[in-house]
Amino acid sequence: MSNRTAKAQYRKQLNGLRDLWNAFDPIGVMDDPDWPRDACDRYLPKTLQLLNSRSGTLTLARTIEDTARDEMHMPVSHEAAIDFSRKLEAWFEKPGSTRDE
């Protein structure tokens, strides 16, 4: 894979993760059309790293909980974090949506 292709793939992955984080919306702001859609971008590289390393649902959920609590100042339930982790993992494993193009 060329460097250009790898960069394009990385951008595609980050865009997909942005959509998922925005849909998760732990602080409840995405109904506001004026809210910036890139507000969660700083969480995307860590999320992608955990998915790439296949860290597992529980590790991913703990990171989501920590991020929501410590950076967004909006705790999420463990169950919500687990559900979101599973959605992230399913998206990541879906052919064509991340790595397989």
C-alpha atoms as a PDB file:
ATOM      1  CA  MET A   1       0.000   0.000   0.000  1.00  0.00           C
ATOM      2  CA  SER A   2       1.412   3.371  -0.974  1.00  0.00           C
ATOM      3  CA  ASN A   3       1.821   6.155   1.542  1.00  0.00           C
ATOM      4  CA  ARG A   4      -0.877   8.157  -0.274  1.00  0.00           C
ATOM      5  CA  THR A   5      -3.284   5.200  -0.114  1.00  0.00           C
ATOM      6  CA  ALA A   6      -2.505   4.635   3.566  1.00  0.00           C
ATOM      7  CA  LYS A   7      -3.208   8.295   4.371  1.00  0.00           C
ATOM      8  CA  ALA A   8      -6.479   8.192   2.456  1.00  0.00           C
ATOM      9  CA  GLN A   9      -7.491   5.028   4.291  1.00  0.00           C
ATOM     10  CA  TYR A  10      -6.612   6.591   7.657  1.00  0.00           C
ATOM     11  CA  ARG A  11      -8.734   9.660   6.838  1.00  0.00           C
ATOM     12  CA  LYS A  12     -11.606   7.388   5.842  1.00  0.00           C
ATOM     13  CA  GLN A  13     -11.335   5.516   9.132  1.00  0.00           C
ATOM     14  CA  LEU A  14     -11.311   8.750  11.121  1.00  0.00           C
ATOM     15  CA  ASN A  15     -14.344  10.033   9.219  1.00  0.00           C
ATOM     16  CA  GLY A  16     -16.215   6.817   9.971  1.00  0.00           C
ATOM     17  CA  LEU A  17     -15.270   7.024  13.634  1.00  0.00           C
ATOM     18  CA  ARG A  18     -16.376  10.669  13.755  1.00  0.00           C
ATOM     19  CA  ASP A  19     -19.802   9.643  12.481  1.00  0.00           C
ATOM     20  CA  LEU A  20     -20.042   6.920  15.129  1.00  0.00           C
ATOM     21  CA  TRP A  21     -18.910   9.185  17.992  1.00  0.00           C
ATOM     22  CA  ASN A  22     -21.339  11.884  16.839  1.00  0.00           C
ATOM     23  CA  ALA A  23     -24.177   9.345  16.786  1.00  0.00           C
ATOM     24  CA  PHE A  24     -23.182   8.153  20.273  1.00  0.00           C
ATOM     25  CA  ASP A  25     -23.280  11.803  21.418  1.00  0.00           C
ATOM     26  CA  PRO A  26     -22.703  11.338  25.165  1.00  0.00           C
ATOM     27  CA  ILE A  27     -23.180  15.041  25.888  1.00  0.00           C
ATOM     28  CA  GLY A  28     -26.346  15.345  23.808  1.00  0.00           C
ATOM     29  CA  VAL A  29     -25.361  18.202  21.492  1.00  0.00           C
ATOM     30  CA  MET A  30     -25.613  16.743  17.993  1.00  0.00           C
ATOM     31  CA  ASP A  31     -29.242  17.829  17.596  1.00  0.00           C
ATOM     32  CA  ASP A  32     -27.906  21.397  17.455  1.00  0.00           C
ATOM     33  CA  PRO A  33     -27.055  22.075  13.790  1.00  0.00           C
ATOM     34  CA  ASP A  34     -24.558  24.746  14.863  1.00  0.00           C
ATOM     35  CA  TRP A  35     -22.545  22.369  17.052  1.00  0.00           C
ATOM     36  CA  PRO A  36     -19.216  21.567  15.374  1.00  0.00           C
ATOM     37  CA  ARG A  37     -19.193  18.053  13.937  1.00  0.00           C
ATOM     38  CA  ASP A  38     -15.475  17.706  14.621  1.00  0.00           C
ATOM     39  CA  ALA A  39     -15.754  18.288  18.375  1.00  0.00           C
ATOM     40  CA  CYS A  40     -14.874  14.656  19.111  1.00  0.00           C
ATOM     41  CA  ASP A  41     -11.903  14.479  16.728  1.00  0.00           C
ATOM     42  CA  ARG A  42      -9.307  14.343  19.481  1.00  0.00           C
ATOM     43  CA  TYR A  43     -10.749  10.994  20.631  1.00  0.00           C
ATOM     44  CA  LEU A  44     -10.580   9.366  17.214  1.00  0.00           C
ATOM     45  CA  PRO A  45      -6.882   8.358  17.020  1.00  0.00           C
ATOM     46  CA  LYS A  46      -7.027   6.591  20.390  1.00  0.00           C
ATOM     47  CA  THR A  47     -10.248   4.838  19.400  1.00  0.00           C
ATOM     48  CA  LEU A  48      -8.692   3.689  16.133  1.00  0.00           C
ATOM     49  CA  GLN A  49      -5.552   2.532  17.938  1.00  0.00           C
ATOM     50  CA  LEU A  50      -7.635   0.382  20.290  1.00  0.00           C
ATOM     51  CA  LEU A  51      -9.596  -1.075  17.382  1.00  0.00           C
ATOM     52  CA  ASN A  52      -6.453  -1.793  15.374  1.00  0.00           C
ATOM     53  CA  SER A  53      -4.854  -3.528  18.347  1.00  0.00           C
ATOM     54  CA  ARG A  54      -8.024  -5.536  18.955  1.00  0.00           C
ATOM     55  CA  SER A  55      -7.921  -4.481  22.591  1.00  0.00           C
ATOM     56  CA  GLY A  56     -11.366  -5.921  23.296  1.00  0.00           C
ATOM     57  CA  THR A  57     -14.775  -4.659  24.229  1.00  0.00           C
ATOM     58  CA  LEU A  58     -14.031  -4.087  27.912  1.00  0.00           C
ATOM     59  CA  THR A  59     -10.847  -2.093  27.312  1.00  0.00           C
ATOM     60  CA  LEU A  60     -12.580  -0.009  24.683  1.00  0.00           C
ATOM     61  CA  ALA A  61     -15.572   0.552  26.985  1.00  0.00           C
ATOM     62  CA  ARG A  62     -13.323   1.647  29.864  1.00  0.00           C
ATOM     63  CA  THR A  63     -11.600   4.124  27.576  1.00  0.00           C
ATOM     64  CA  ILE A  64     -14.967   5.480  26.421  1.00  0.00           C
ATOM     65  CA  GLU A  65     -16.110   5.834  30.025  1.00  0.00           C
ATOM     66  CA  ASP A  66     -12.865   7.582  30.988  1.00  0.00           C
ATOM     67  CA  THR A  67     -13.062   9.909  27.990  1.00  0.00           C
ATOM     68  CA  ALA A  68     -16.674  10.847  28.661  1.00  0.00           C
ATOM     69  CA  ARG A  69     -16.030  11.436  32.353  1.00  0.00           C
ATOM     70  CA  ASP A  70     -12.619  13.107  32.258  1.00  0.00           C
ATOM     71  CA  GLU A  71     -12.727  15.048  29.010  1.00  0.00           C
ATOM     72  CA  MET A  72     -16.397  15.606  28.239  1.00  0.00           C
ATOM     73  CA  HIS A  73     -17.397  15.913  31.904  1.00  0.00           C
ATOM     74  CA  MET A  74     -20.406  13.759  31.114  1.00  0.00           C
ATOM     75  CA  PRO A  75     -20.291  10.260  32.561  1.00  0.00           C
ATOM     76  CA  VAL A  76     -21.852   7.432  30.583  1.00  0.00           C
ATOM     77  CA  SER A  77     -23.095   4.189  32.012  1.00  0.00           C
ATOM     78  CA  HIS A  78     -20.986   1.086  31.689  1.00  0.00           C
ATOM     79  CA  GLU A  79     -23.782  -0.503  29.655  1.00  0.00           C
ATOM     80  CA  ALA A  80     -23.837   2.428  27.195  1.00  0.00           C
ATOM     81  CA  ALA A  81     -20.051   2.239  26.854  1.00  0.00           C
ATOM     82  CA  ILE A  82     -20.233  -1.518  26.205  1.00  0.00           C
ATOM     83  CA  ASP A  83     -22.956  -1.023  23.581  1.00  0.00           C
ATOM     84  CA  PHE A  84     -20.941   1.695  21.849  1.00  0.00           C
ATOM     85  CA  SER A  85     -17.795  -0.455  21.976  1.00  0.00           C
ATOM     86  CA  ARG A  86     -19.627  -3.273  20.248  1.00  0.00           C
ATOM     87  CA  LYS A  87     -20.865  -0.897  17.554  1.00  0.00           C
ATOM     88  CA  LEU A  88     -17.321   0.351  17.021  1.00  0.00           C
ATOM     89  CA  GLU A  89     -15.975  -3.192  16.769  1.00  0.00           C
ATOM     90  CA  ALA A  90     -18.712  -4.267  14.346  1.00  0.00           C
ATOM     91  CA  TRP A  91     -18.019  -1.225  12.156  1.00  0.00           C
ATOM     92  CA  PHE A  92     -14.281  -1.886  12.243  1.00  0.00           C
ATOM     93  CA  GLU A  93     -14.683  -5.526  11.221  1.00  0.00           C
ATOM     94  CA  LYS A  94     -17.152  -4.803   8.412  1.00  0.00           C
ATOM     95  CA  PRO A  95     -15.417  -5.396   5.057  1.00  0.00           C
ATOM     96  CA  GLY A  96     -15.099  -2.252   2.983  1.00  0.00           C
ATOM     97  CA  SER A  97     -15.880   0.165   5.773  1.00  0.00           C
ATOM     98  CA  THR A  98     -12.375   0.479   7.128  1.00  0.00           C
ATOM     99  CA  ARG A  99      -9.339  -1.487   6.053  1.00  0.00           C
ATOM    100  CA  ASP A 100     -10.370  -3.475   3.019  1.00  0.00           C
ATOM    101  CA  GLU A 101     -10.356  -0.934   0.192  1.00  0.00           C
END
